[in-house]
Amino acid sequence: MVVAEQRLTQVYVFGSQDTVRILHVAAAPESIVFAVNHNNWEPYVGAQDDQNLRWQAHQAGKTVIVLPDEEFPAPLSVRLTPQENRVLQLLAGGYTLAQICQIMFITERSVRRYMNHLRDKFRARTLMHMLAKAVAMGMVHLNLEGDND
């Protein structure tokens, strides 16, 4: 008898209080996205004090990112310079600050300035929050699990 391996989906929930929760859910990413986007978010974000708060889920490969709906800037409103886009792609690729400096031939101060611009443009509180929004908006493409199966 062959037992099918059940894969857990990683769900990143970015709360309104600068919190990030990472859940491991025994469901397909598509079904989680469907549930959250059809107002069944309580299993993932918990009960809410603010009943008017809506949540939106986005799939990034085998990972799901959940953010409060009002946090998403309009995709066309996020315009990046070529340098900001390069920093975004390198950050999303897992490069460190020092590596980005070497790759782009710029100073650490310049990279930090680009990172601050990115956080501002995405209206994100943290670097991780900004990356999650960028991935959810389709501006970067990641394999967050690191495997190619």
N, C-alpha and C. Protein backbone atom coordinates (compact mmCIF):
# COMPACT_ATOMS: atom_id res chain seq x y z
N MET A 1 0.85 -1.19 0.00
CA MET A 1 0.00 0.00 0.00
C MET A 1 0.88 1.24 0.00
N VAL A 2 0.64 2.14 -0.92
CA VAL A 2 1.41 3.37 -1.03
C VAL A 2 0.63 4.49 -0.36
N VAL A 3 1.28 5.20 0.53
CA VAL A 3 0.65 6.33 1.22
C VAL A 3 1.12 7.61 0.57
N ALA A 4 0.18 8.42 0.11
CA ALA A 4 0.53 9.70 -0.50
C ALA A 4 1.04 10.65 0.56
N GLU A 5 2.13 11.31 0.24
CA GLU A 5 2.71 12.27 1.18
C GLU A 5 1.89 13.56 1.18
N GLN A 6 1.46 13.97 2.35
CA GLN A 6 0.68 15.20 2.49
C GLN A 6 1.66 16.35 2.72
N ARG A 7 1.64 17.31 1.82
CA ARG A 7 2.51 18.47 1.97
C ARG A 7 1.77 19.56 2.72
N LEU A 8 2.49 20.23 3.57
CA LEU A 8 1.91 21.36 4.29
C LEU A 8 2.18 22.63 3.51
N THR A 9 1.20 23.49 3.48
CA THR A 9 1.34 24.78 2.82
C THR A 9 1.75 25.81 3.87
N GLN A 10 2.79 26.58 3.57
CA GLN A 10 3.17 27.66 4.46
C GLN A 10 2.28 28.86 4.16
N VAL A 11 1.70 29.40 5.23
CA VAL A 11 0.83 30.57 5.11
C VAL A 11 1.43 31.67 5.97
N TYR A 12 1.79 32.79 5.33
CA TYR A 12 2.33 33.95 6.03
C TYR A 12 1.19 34.94 6.21
N VAL A 13 0.85 35.23 7.48
CA VAL A 13 -0.24 36.16 7.78
C VAL A 13 0.38 37.42 8.38
N PHE A 14 0.25 38.53 7.65
CA PHE A 14 0.78 39.81 8.10
C PHE A 14 -0.36 40.58 8.76
N GLY A 15 -0.27 40.73 10.09
CA GLY A 15 -1.32 41.41 10.83
C GLY A 15 -1.17 42.91 10.80
N SER A 16 -2.19 43.57 11.30
CA SER A 16 -2.20 45.03 11.29
C SER A 16 -1.36 45.63 12.41
N GLN A 17 -0.85 44.83 13.32
CA GLN A 17 -0.04 45.33 14.43
C GLN A 17 1.43 44.96 14.28
N ASP A 18 1.95 45.02 13.05
CA ASP A 18 3.36 44.68 12.77
C ASP A 18 3.70 43.25 13.18
N THR A 19 2.74 42.35 13.05
CA THR A 19 2.99 40.97 13.39
C THR A 19 3.00 40.12 12.13
N VAL A 20 3.74 39.03 12.20
CA VAL A 20 3.76 38.04 11.13
C VAL A 20 3.60 36.68 11.80
N ARG A 21 2.62 35.93 11.32
CA ARG A 21 2.44 34.56 11.80
C ARG A 21 2.69 33.63 10.62
N ILE A 22 3.39 32.54 10.87
CA ILE A 22 3.63 31.56 9.84
C ILE A 22 2.91 30.28 10.25
N LEU A 23 1.98 29.88 9.41
CA LEU A 23 1.20 28.68 9.68
C LEU A 23 1.61 27.58 8.71
N HIS A 24 1.47 26.36 9.13
CA HIS A 24 1.68 25.20 8.27
C HIS A 24 0.34 24.48 8.19
N VAL A 25 -0.30 24.56 7.02
CA VAL A 25 -1.66 24.09 6.86
C VAL A 25 -1.70 22.90 5.92
N ALA A 26 -2.44 21.86 6.31
CA ALA A 26 -2.57 20.65 5.49
C ALA A 26 -3.68 20.84 4.47
N ALA A 27 -3.46 21.77 3.55
CA ALA A 27 -4.41 22.03 2.48
C ALA A 27 -3.63 22.60 1.30
N ALA A 28 -4.19 22.47 0.12
CA ALA A 28 -3.54 23.00 -1.07
C ALA A 28 -3.55 24.53 -1.04
N PRO A 29 -2.50 25.17 -1.56
CA PRO A 29 -2.48 26.64 -1.55
C PRO A 29 -3.69 27.25 -2.24
N GLU A 30 -4.14 26.65 -3.33
CA GLU A 30 -5.29 27.18 -4.06
C GLU A 30 -6.55 27.21 -3.20
N SER A 31 -6.75 26.16 -2.40
CA SER A 31 -7.95 26.12 -1.56
C SER A 31 -7.88 27.14 -0.43
N ILE A 32 -6.69 27.40 0.08
CA ILE A 32 -6.54 28.42 1.12
C ILE A 32 -6.82 29.80 0.55
N VAL A 33 -6.25 30.09 -0.63
CA VAL A 33 -6.49 31.38 -1.29
C VAL A 33 -7.98 31.56 -1.56
N PHE A 34 -8.63 30.52 -2.07
CA PHE A 34 -10.06 30.60 -2.36
C PHE A 34 -10.85 30.90 -1.08
N ALA A 35 -10.54 30.17 -0.01
CA ALA A 35 -11.27 30.36 1.25
C ALA A 35 -11.11 31.78 1.78
N VAL A 36 -9.87 32.26 1.86
CA VAL A 36 -9.62 33.60 2.40
C VAL A 36 -10.29 34.66 1.53
N ASN A 37 -10.17 34.54 0.23
CA ASN A 37 -10.72 35.55 -0.68
C ASN A 37 -12.24 35.49 -0.80
N HIS A 38 -12.84 34.46 -0.21
CA HIS A 38 -14.30 34.35 -0.16
C HIS A 38 -14.79 34.44 1.29
N ASN A 39 -14.13 35.28 2.06
CA ASN A 39 -14.53 35.66 3.42
C ASN A 39 -14.47 34.54 4.45
N ASN A 40 -13.72 33.48 4.19
CA ASN A 40 -13.54 32.43 5.18
C ASN A 40 -12.10 32.46 5.68
N TRP A 41 -11.72 33.58 6.30
CA TRP A 41 -10.33 33.76 6.72
C TRP A 41 -10.10 33.40 8.19
N GLU A 42 -11.15 33.22 8.96
CA GLU A 42 -10.99 32.98 10.39
C GLU A 42 -10.08 31.79 10.72
N PRO A 43 -10.12 30.67 9.97
CA PRO A 43 -9.19 29.58 10.29
C PRO A 43 -7.72 29.98 10.17
N TYR A 44 -7.44 31.03 9.42
CA TYR A 44 -6.06 31.42 9.17
C TYR A 44 -5.65 32.66 9.96
N VAL A 45 -6.55 33.62 10.11
CA VAL A 45 -6.19 34.86 10.80
C VAL A 45 -6.81 34.96 12.18
N GLY A 46 -7.74 34.07 12.51
CA GLY A 46 -8.39 34.09 13.81
C GLY A 46 -9.57 35.04 13.84
N ALA A 47 -10.24 35.10 14.97
CA ALA A 47 -11.38 36.00 15.14
C ALA A 47 -10.88 37.43 15.19
N GLN A 48 -11.63 38.32 14.59
CA GLN A 48 -11.23 39.72 14.50
C GLN A 48 -12.12 40.60 15.35
N ASP A 49 -11.51 41.56 16.03
CA ASP A 49 -12.28 42.57 16.77
C ASP A 49 -12.98 43.50 15.80
N ASP A 50 -12.30 43.84 14.71
CA ASP A 50 -12.85 44.74 13.71
C ASP A 50 -13.54 43.92 12.63
N GLN A 51 -14.87 43.86 12.68
CA GLN A 51 -15.63 43.05 11.72
C GLN A 51 -15.58 43.62 10.30
N ASN A 52 -15.17 44.88 10.15
CA ASN A 52 -15.08 45.49 8.82
C ASN A 52 -13.77 45.17 8.11
N LEU A 53 -12.81 44.59 8.85
CA LEU A 53 -11.51 44.28 8.27
C LEU A 53 -11.64 43.07 7.35
N ARG A 54 -11.20 43.25 6.11
CA ARG A 54 -11.23 42.18 5.12
C ARG A 54 -9.80 41.74 4.84
N TRP A 55 -9.64 40.49 4.47
CA TRP A 55 -8.33 39.92 4.20
C TRP A 55 -8.26 39.45 2.76
N GLN A 56 -7.06 39.46 2.23
CA GLN A 56 -6.83 39.01 0.87
C GLN A 56 -5.63 38.08 0.86
N ALA A 57 -5.76 36.97 0.14
CA ALA A 57 -4.67 35.99 0.04
C ALA A 57 -4.14 35.94 -1.38
N HIS A 58 -2.84 35.69 -1.48
CA HIS A 58 -2.17 35.55 -2.77
C HIS A 58 -1.26 34.35 -2.70
N GLN A 59 -1.22 33.62 -3.78
CA GLN A 59 -0.36 32.45 -3.85
C GLN A 59 0.96 32.83 -4.50
N ALA A 60 2.05 32.39 -3.89
CA ALA A 60 3.39 32.56 -4.44
C ALA A 60 4.03 31.18 -4.46
N GLY A 61 3.85 30.48 -5.58
CA GLY A 61 4.34 29.11 -5.65
C GLY A 61 3.51 28.24 -4.73
N LYS A 62 4.18 27.58 -3.80
CA LYS A 62 3.50 26.70 -2.85
C LYS A 62 3.25 27.39 -1.52
N THR A 63 3.37 28.70 -1.51
CA THR A 63 3.20 29.50 -0.29
C THR A 63 2.03 30.45 -0.48
N VAL A 64 1.36 30.77 0.63
CA VAL A 64 0.24 31.71 0.60
C VAL A 64 0.58 32.90 1.49
N ILE A 65 0.33 34.09 0.98
CA ILE A 65 0.56 35.33 1.73
C ILE A 65 -0.79 35.97 1.97
N VAL A 66 -1.09 36.28 3.25
CA VAL A 66 -2.37 36.88 3.63
C VAL A 66 -2.10 38.24 4.26
N LEU A 67 -2.77 39.26 3.72
CA LEU A 67 -2.62 40.63 4.21
C LEU A 67 -4.01 41.27 4.33
N PRO A 68 -4.15 42.25 5.24
CA PRO A 68 -5.40 43.02 5.23
C PRO A 68 -5.60 43.65 3.86
N ASP A 69 -6.82 43.57 3.35
CA ASP A 69 -7.13 44.00 1.98
C ASP A 69 -6.74 45.44 1.70
N GLU A 70 -6.93 46.34 2.64
CA GLU A 70 -6.65 47.75 2.38
C GLU A 70 -5.17 48.05 2.30
N GLU A 71 -4.32 47.10 2.64
CA GLU A 71 -2.87 47.34 2.61
C GLU A 71 -2.28 47.26 1.22
N PHE A 72 -3.01 46.75 0.25
CA PHE A 72 -2.44 46.60 -1.07
C PHE A 72 -2.51 47.88 -1.86
N PRO A 73 -1.36 48.43 -2.24
CA PRO A 73 -1.39 49.57 -3.16
C PRO A 73 -1.84 49.07 -4.52
N ALA A 74 -2.39 49.96 -5.32
CA ALA A 74 -2.75 49.58 -6.69
C ALA A 74 -1.47 49.19 -7.41
N PRO A 75 -1.46 48.06 -8.14
CA PRO A 75 -0.22 47.60 -8.78
C PRO A 75 0.43 48.65 -9.67
N LEU A 76 -0.35 49.44 -10.36
CA LEU A 76 0.25 50.44 -11.24
C LEU A 76 0.79 51.65 -10.47
N SER A 77 0.42 51.77 -9.19
CA SER A 77 0.90 52.91 -8.42
C SER A 77 2.30 52.68 -7.87
N VAL A 78 2.79 51.45 -7.92
CA VAL A 78 4.14 51.16 -7.44
C VAL A 78 5.08 51.19 -8.63
N ARG A 79 5.74 52.31 -8.77
CA ARG A 79 6.69 52.48 -9.88
C ARG A 79 8.10 52.50 -9.28
N LEU A 80 8.92 51.61 -9.78
CA LEU A 80 10.27 51.47 -9.26
C LEU A 80 11.29 51.95 -10.29
N THR A 81 12.35 52.55 -9.78
CA THR A 81 13.47 52.88 -10.65
C THR A 81 14.19 51.57 -10.98
N PRO A 82 15.01 51.55 -12.02
CA PRO A 82 15.76 50.32 -12.32
C PRO A 82 16.60 49.84 -11.14
N GLN A 83 17.20 50.78 -10.39
CA GLN A 83 18.02 50.40 -9.25
C GLN A 83 17.16 49.80 -8.13
N GLU A 84 16.00 50.40 -7.86
CA GLU A 84 15.10 49.87 -6.83
C GLU A 84 14.62 48.47 -7.22
N ASN A 85 14.30 48.30 -8.50
CA ASN A 85 13.85 46.99 -8.96
C ASN A 85 14.95 45.95 -8.80
N ARG A 86 16.17 46.34 -9.12
CA ARG A 86 17.30 45.40 -8.97
C ARG A 86 17.48 45.01 -7.51
N VAL A 87 17.42 45.99 -6.61
CA VAL A 87 17.54 45.69 -5.17
C VAL A 87 16.40 44.78 -4.74
N LEU A 88 15.19 45.06 -5.19
CA LEU A 88 14.03 44.23 -4.86
C LEU A 88 14.26 42.79 -5.29
N GLN A 89 14.70 42.60 -6.54
CA GLN A 89 14.91 41.24 -7.05
C GLN A 89 16.02 40.52 -6.28
N LEU A 90 17.07 41.24 -5.94
CA LEU A 90 18.17 40.62 -5.19
C LEU A 90 17.73 40.27 -3.77
N LEU A 91 16.98 41.16 -3.11
CA LEU A 91 16.47 40.85 -1.78
C LEU A 91 15.56 39.63 -1.83
N ALA A 92 14.69 39.60 -2.82
CA ALA A 92 13.77 38.48 -2.97
C ALA A 92 14.53 37.19 -3.25
N GLY A 93 15.67 37.31 -3.89
CA GLY A 93 16.50 36.15 -4.18
C GLY A 93 17.33 35.69 -3.00
N GLY A 94 17.25 36.39 -1.87
CA GLY A 94 17.95 35.96 -0.67
C GLY A 94 19.35 36.53 -0.50
N TYR A 95 19.71 37.51 -1.31
CA TYR A 95 21.04 38.10 -1.19
C TYR A 95 21.12 39.00 0.04
N THR A 96 22.28 39.01 0.66
CA THR A 96 22.50 39.85 1.83
C THR A 96 22.83 41.27 1.39
N LEU A 97 22.82 42.17 2.34
CA LEU A 97 23.17 43.56 2.08
C LEU A 97 24.57 43.66 1.47
N ALA A 98 25.53 42.95 2.04
CA ALA A 98 26.91 42.99 1.53
C ALA A 98 26.98 42.44 0.11
N GLN A 99 26.27 41.37 -0.16
CA GLN A 99 26.27 40.79 -1.50
C GLN A 99 25.67 41.75 -2.53
N ILE A 100 24.59 42.43 -2.13
CA ILE A 100 23.95 43.40 -3.04
C ILE A 100 24.92 44.53 -3.35
N CYS A 101 25.64 45.00 -2.34
CA CYS A 101 26.64 46.05 -2.56
C CYS A 101 27.67 45.61 -3.60
N GLN A 102 28.16 44.39 -3.46
CA GLN A 102 29.17 43.88 -4.39
C GLN A 102 28.60 43.69 -5.79
N ILE A 103 27.41 43.16 -5.89
CA ILE A 103 26.80 42.90 -7.21
C ILE A 103 26.52 44.20 -7.96
N MET A 104 26.01 45.20 -7.22
CA MET A 104 25.61 46.46 -7.86
C MET A 104 26.71 47.51 -7.88
N PHE A 105 27.84 47.21 -7.21
CA PHE A 105 28.96 48.16 -7.13
C PHE A 105 28.52 49.49 -6.52
N ILE A 106 27.77 49.41 -5.40
CA ILE A 106 27.33 50.61 -4.69
C ILE A 106 27.59 50.42 -3.20
N THR A 107 27.47 51.50 -2.47
CA THR A 107 27.75 51.46 -1.04
C THR A 107 26.57 50.89 -0.25
N GLU A 108 26.87 50.49 0.97
CA GLU A 108 25.82 50.00 1.87
C GLU A 108 24.77 51.08 2.10
N ARG A 109 25.23 52.32 2.21
CA ARG A 109 24.30 53.43 2.43
C ARG A 109 23.31 53.55 1.26
N SER A 110 23.78 53.35 0.04
CA SER A 110 22.91 53.42 -1.13
C SER A 110 21.89 52.28 -1.11
N VAL A 111 22.35 51.08 -0.77
CA VAL A 111 21.43 49.93 -0.72
C VAL A 111 20.36 50.17 0.35
N ARG A 112 20.77 50.68 1.50
CA ARG A 112 19.79 50.96 2.56
C ARG A 112 18.79 52.04 2.12
N ARG A 113 19.27 53.01 1.38
CA ARG A 113 18.37 54.05 0.87
C ARG A 113 17.34 53.45 -0.09
N TYR A 114 17.79 52.58 -0.99
CA TYR A 114 16.86 51.90 -1.90
C TYR A 114 15.86 51.04 -1.13
N MET A 115 16.33 50.36 -0.09
CA MET A 115 15.44 49.54 0.73
C MET A 115 14.37 50.40 1.41
N ASN A 116 14.77 51.56 1.90
CA ASN A 116 13.80 52.48 2.51
C ASN A 116 12.79 52.98 1.48
N HIS A 117 13.25 53.30 0.28
CA HIS A 117 12.34 53.73 -0.79
C HIS A 117 11.34 52.62 -1.10
N LEU A 118 11.82 51.38 -1.16
CA LEU A 118 10.93 50.25 -1.44
C LEU A 118 9.87 50.09 -0.36
N ARG A 119 10.28 50.19 0.90
CA ARG A 119 9.29 50.09 2.00
C ARG A 119 8.26 51.20 1.88
N ASP A 120 8.70 52.41 1.57
CA ASP A 120 7.77 53.53 1.41
C ASP A 120 6.82 53.31 0.24
N LYS A 121 7.35 52.89 -0.88
CA LYS A 121 6.51 52.72 -2.07
C LYS A 121 5.48 51.61 -1.90
N PHE A 122 5.83 50.58 -1.16
CA PHE A 122 4.89 49.48 -0.93
C PHE A 122 4.05 49.70 0.33
N ARG A 123 4.28 50.83 1.00
CA ARG A 123 3.58 51.13 2.26
C ARG A 123 3.70 49.96 3.23
N ALA A 124 4.93 49.49 3.40
CA ALA A 124 5.22 48.34 4.26
C ALA A 124 5.96 48.81 5.51
N ARG A 125 5.72 48.10 6.59
CA ARG A 125 6.35 48.46 7.87
C ARG A 125 7.74 47.84 8.01
N THR A 126 7.93 46.67 7.42
CA THR A 126 9.21 45.98 7.54
C THR A 126 9.65 45.51 6.16
N LEU A 127 10.89 45.08 6.08
CA LEU A 127 11.41 44.55 4.84
C LEU A 127 10.67 43.28 4.44
N MET A 128 10.40 42.41 5.39
CA MET A 128 9.67 41.18 5.10
C MET A 128 8.26 41.49 4.60
N HIS A 129 7.62 42.47 5.19
CA HIS A 129 6.28 42.91 4.79
C HIS A 129 6.33 43.43 3.35
N MET A 130 7.34 44.21 3.02
CA MET A 130 7.49 44.74 1.67
C MET A 130 7.68 43.61 0.67
N LEU A 131 8.52 42.64 1.00
CA LEU A 131 8.76 41.52 0.09
C LEU A 131 7.48 40.71 -0.11
N ALA A 132 6.72 40.51 0.95
CA ALA A 132 5.45 39.77 0.82
C ALA A 132 4.50 40.49 -0.12
N LYS A 133 4.39 41.80 0.01
CA LYS A 133 3.52 42.57 -0.87
C LYS A 133 4.01 42.49 -2.31
N ALA A 134 5.31 42.62 -2.51
CA ALA A 134 5.86 42.57 -3.87
C ALA A 134 5.59 41.21 -4.51
N VAL A 135 5.76 40.14 -3.74
CA VAL A 135 5.48 38.80 -4.26
C VAL A 135 4.00 38.65 -4.57
N ALA A 136 3.15 39.10 -3.64
CA ALA A 136 1.70 38.99 -3.83
C ALA A 136 1.23 39.79 -5.04
N MET A 137 1.90 40.88 -5.34
CA MET A 137 1.52 41.72 -6.48
C MET A 137 2.13 41.23 -7.79
N GLY A 138 2.92 40.15 -7.71
CA GLY A 138 3.51 39.60 -8.92
C GLY A 138 4.74 40.35 -9.41
N MET A 139 5.34 41.15 -8.56
CA MET A 139 6.51 41.93 -8.98
C MET A 139 7.81 41.15 -8.84
N VAL A 140 7.79 40.05 -8.09
CA VAL A 140 8.92 39.13 -8.01
C VAL A 140 8.35 37.72 -8.02
N HIS A 141 9.17 36.80 -8.43
CA HIS A 141 8.73 35.41 -8.48
C HIS A 141 9.75 34.58 -7.71
N LEU A 142 9.25 33.91 -6.69
CA LEU A 142 10.14 33.15 -5.81
C LEU A 142 9.74 31.71 -5.72
N ASN A 143 10.71 30.87 -5.46
CA ASN A 143 10.45 29.51 -5.00
C ASN A 143 10.80 29.54 -3.52
N LEU A 144 9.83 29.82 -2.68
CA LEU A 144 10.07 30.04 -1.26
C LEU A 144 10.44 28.77 -0.51
N GLU A 145 10.18 27.61 -1.10
CA GLU A 145 10.49 26.37 -0.40
C GLU A 145 11.86 25.84 -0.74
N GLY A 146 12.46 26.34 -1.82
CA GLY A 146 13.82 25.94 -2.15
C GLY A 146 13.93 24.60 -2.83
N ASP A 147 12.78 23.95 -3.16
CA ASP A 147 12.88 22.68 -3.88
C ASP A 147 12.22 22.85 -5.25
N ASN A 148 12.55 21.97 -6.13
CA ASN A 148 12.06 22.09 -7.51
C ASN A 148 11.18 20.92 -7.92
N ASP A 149 10.50 20.29 -6.99
CA ASP A 149 9.66 19.15 -7.36
C ASP A 149 8.32 19.57 -7.87
